[in-house]
Amino acid sequence: MTVLENLQMGATLGDPAHYKSDLDRMFGMFPILEKRQAQRAGTLSGGEQQMLAICRALMSRPRLLMLDEPSLGLAPLIVKQIFKTIQDLNRENGTTILLVEQNAFHALKVAHRAYVLQNGEIRLQGSGQELLSNPEVRALYLEGGHHAA
């Protein structure tokens, strides 16, 4: 399917009256998708595919958006753009976002509430800012796994 067809599929559960404005909003978030709307989605770069996946989900105007590793394998500039979009969606639209992410630094920067899992169990929890400043989190997840001397 093309980029546009993917976005149309995402809109099938949404209100048709909002289709055009929602489409414009998606293209405003990620202008590259507007330029690529006739392109087959499978030929997009990894970052563009991730942008499209997020936009396709948003076309249905969800109250909860679940994202699994949205930064996986992406260039640092694209990662920054994805996380800015995640933060904007929550702040501006009130969309609740459940984010599963190994990029601890970016995830904790945008998180209101965060959980550190180890072997499937909750090891630490708190606000994103609390965990960012937690010495154990810093040593294990933010400084390459090396304890500061």
Protein backbone atom coordinates (compact mmCIF):
# COMPACT_ATOMS: atom_id res chain seq x y z
CA MET A 1 0.00 0.00 0.00
CA THR A 2 1.07 3.60 -0.51
CA VAL A 3 1.63 6.11 2.26
CA LEU A 4 -1.75 7.68 1.55
CA GLU A 5 -3.52 4.30 1.51
CA ASN A 6 -1.98 3.50 4.92
CA LEU A 7 -3.29 6.76 6.33
CA GLN A 8 -6.72 6.09 4.83
CA MET A 9 -6.72 2.65 6.51
CA GLY A 10 -5.94 4.31 9.83
CA ALA A 11 -8.87 6.66 9.35
CA THR A 12 -11.47 3.91 8.82
CA LEU A 13 -12.42 3.98 12.52
CA GLY A 14 -12.39 7.77 12.72
CA ASP A 15 -15.05 10.32 11.94
CA PRO A 16 -15.08 11.00 8.18
CA ALA A 17 -15.79 14.66 8.89
CA HIS A 18 -12.28 14.98 10.37
CA TYR A 19 -10.42 13.08 7.63
CA LYS A 20 -9.02 16.09 5.73
CA SER A 21 -7.98 18.00 8.86
CA ASP A 22 -6.43 14.86 10.37
CA LEU A 23 -4.53 14.17 7.16
CA ASP A 24 -3.25 17.75 7.12
CA ARG A 25 -2.19 17.40 10.76
CA MET A 26 -0.22 14.22 9.97
CA PHE A 27 1.52 15.91 7.05
CA GLY A 28 2.24 18.88 9.32
CA MET A 29 3.90 16.60 11.88
CA PHE A 30 5.96 14.74 9.29
CA PRO A 31 6.13 16.76 6.04
CA ILE A 32 8.20 14.06 4.34
CA LEU A 33 5.10 11.83 4.32
CA GLU A 34 3.18 14.37 2.25
CA LYS A 35 5.97 14.33 -0.33
CA ARG A 36 5.93 10.52 -0.31
CA GLN A 37 2.15 9.95 -0.20
CA ALA A 38 2.10 8.10 -3.57
CA GLN A 39 5.14 5.97 -2.64
CA ARG A 40 4.77 2.38 -1.47
CA ALA A 41 5.24 2.28 2.30
CA GLY A 42 7.63 -0.68 2.11
CA THR A 43 10.11 1.41 0.14
CA LEU A 44 10.36 4.15 2.79
CA SER A 45 13.38 4.45 5.06
CA GLY A 46 13.09 2.98 8.56
CA GLY A 47 12.47 6.40 10.08
CA GLU A 48 9.82 7.23 7.50
CA GLN A 49 8.11 3.89 8.12
CA GLN A 50 8.03 4.64 11.85
CA MET A 51 6.54 8.08 11.16
CA LEU A 52 3.91 6.48 8.95
CA ALA A 53 3.05 3.86 11.59
CA ILE A 54 2.52 6.58 14.19
CA CYS A 55 0.41 8.67 11.81
CA ARG A 56 -1.67 5.70 10.69
CA ALA A 57 -2.53 5.00 14.33
CA LEU A 58 -3.28 8.67 15.00
CA MET A 59 -5.71 8.90 12.09
CA SER A 60 -8.29 7.09 14.25
CA ARG A 61 -7.91 9.73 16.99
CA PRO A 62 -7.05 7.30 19.78
CA ARG A 63 -7.15 8.31 23.42
CA LEU A 64 -4.33 5.81 24.08
CA LEU A 65 -1.37 5.31 21.76
CA MET A 66 0.87 2.31 22.46
CA LEU A 67 4.35 2.49 20.96
CA ASP A 68 6.86 -0.36 21.04
CA GLU A 69 10.46 0.72 20.43
CA PRO A 70 9.72 3.67 18.12
CA SER A 71 13.41 4.62 18.00
CA LEU A 72 14.78 1.17 17.15
CA GLY A 73 17.37 1.35 14.39
CA LEU A 74 16.77 5.02 13.59
CA ALA A 75 19.29 7.79 13.03
CA PRO A 76 19.74 10.16 16.00
CA LEU A 77 18.08 13.08 14.20
CA ILE A 78 14.98 10.98 13.45
CA VAL A 79 14.91 9.67 17.04
CA LYS A 80 14.86 13.25 18.29
CA GLN A 81 11.99 14.09 15.92
CA ILE A 82 9.97 11.00 16.97
CA PHE A 83 10.33 11.81 20.67
CA LYS A 84 9.42 15.46 20.13
CA THR A 85 6.28 14.30 18.35
CA ILE A 86 5.45 11.90 21.20
CA GLN A 87 5.81 14.72 23.71
CA ASP A 88 3.75 17.13 21.58
CA LEU A 89 0.95 14.58 21.16
CA ASN A 90 0.65 14.18 24.89
CA ARG A 91 0.94 17.86 25.73
CA GLU A 92 -1.18 19.36 22.94
CA ASN A 93 -3.78 16.65 22.33
CA GLY A 94 -3.90 15.00 25.74
CA THR A 95 -3.21 11.63 24.11
CA THR A 96 -2.10 9.06 26.67
CA ILE A 97 1.01 7.28 25.43
CA LEU A 98 2.26 3.92 26.65
CA LEU A 99 5.86 3.74 25.50
CA VAL A 100 8.07 0.67 25.62
CA GLU A 101 11.58 1.82 24.81
CA GLN A 102 15.17 0.77 25.41
CA ASN A 103 16.49 4.26 24.71
CA ALA A 104 16.20 5.16 28.38
CA PHE A 105 17.43 8.73 28.11
CA HIS A 106 14.85 9.84 25.53
CA ALA A 107 12.05 7.83 27.10
CA LEU A 108 12.64 9.21 30.59
CA LYS A 109 12.90 12.79 29.29
CA VAL A 110 9.30 12.64 28.01
CA ALA A 111 7.75 10.30 30.59
CA HIS A 112 5.38 11.46 33.29
CA ARG A 113 5.57 8.02 34.89
CA ALA A 114 8.27 5.43 34.23
CA TYR A 115 9.06 1.85 35.14
CA VAL A 116 12.39 0.09 34.79
CA LEU A 117 11.90 -3.59 34.08
CA GLN A 118 14.51 -6.25 34.66
CA ASN A 119 13.79 -9.87 33.75
CA GLY A 120 10.10 -9.04 33.42
CA GLU A 121 9.77 -7.52 36.88
CA ILE A 122 9.47 -3.87 37.91
CA ARG A 123 12.82 -2.92 39.40
CA LEU A 124 12.33 0.86 39.78
CA GLN A 125 9.48 3.29 39.28
CA GLY A 126 8.85 7.00 39.54
CA SER A 127 8.53 10.07 37.38
CA GLY A 128 10.73 10.27 34.32
CA GLN A 129 12.74 13.09 35.94
CA GLU A 130 13.19 11.10 39.18
CA LEU A 131 14.55 8.14 37.30
CA LEU A 132 16.78 10.32 35.11
CA SER A 133 18.47 11.59 38.26
CA ASN A 134 18.55 8.20 40.02
CA PRO A 135 22.23 7.13 40.38
CA GLU A 136 21.42 3.47 39.75
CA VAL A 137 19.49 4.25 36.55
CA ARG A 138 22.25 6.62 35.42
CA ALA A 139 24.93 3.98 36.01
CA LEU A 140 23.09 1.05 34.49
CA TYR A 141 21.13 2.61 31.63
CA LEU A 142 22.50 6.05 30.82
CA GLU A 143 26.26 5.81 31.20
CA GLY A 144 26.99 2.62 29.30
CA GLY A 145 26.52 0.33 32.28
CA HIS A 146 29.65 1.59 34.03
CA HIS A 147 29.39 2.85 37.57
CA ALA A 148 30.89 6.28 38.06
CA ALA A 149 33.81 6.25 40.51
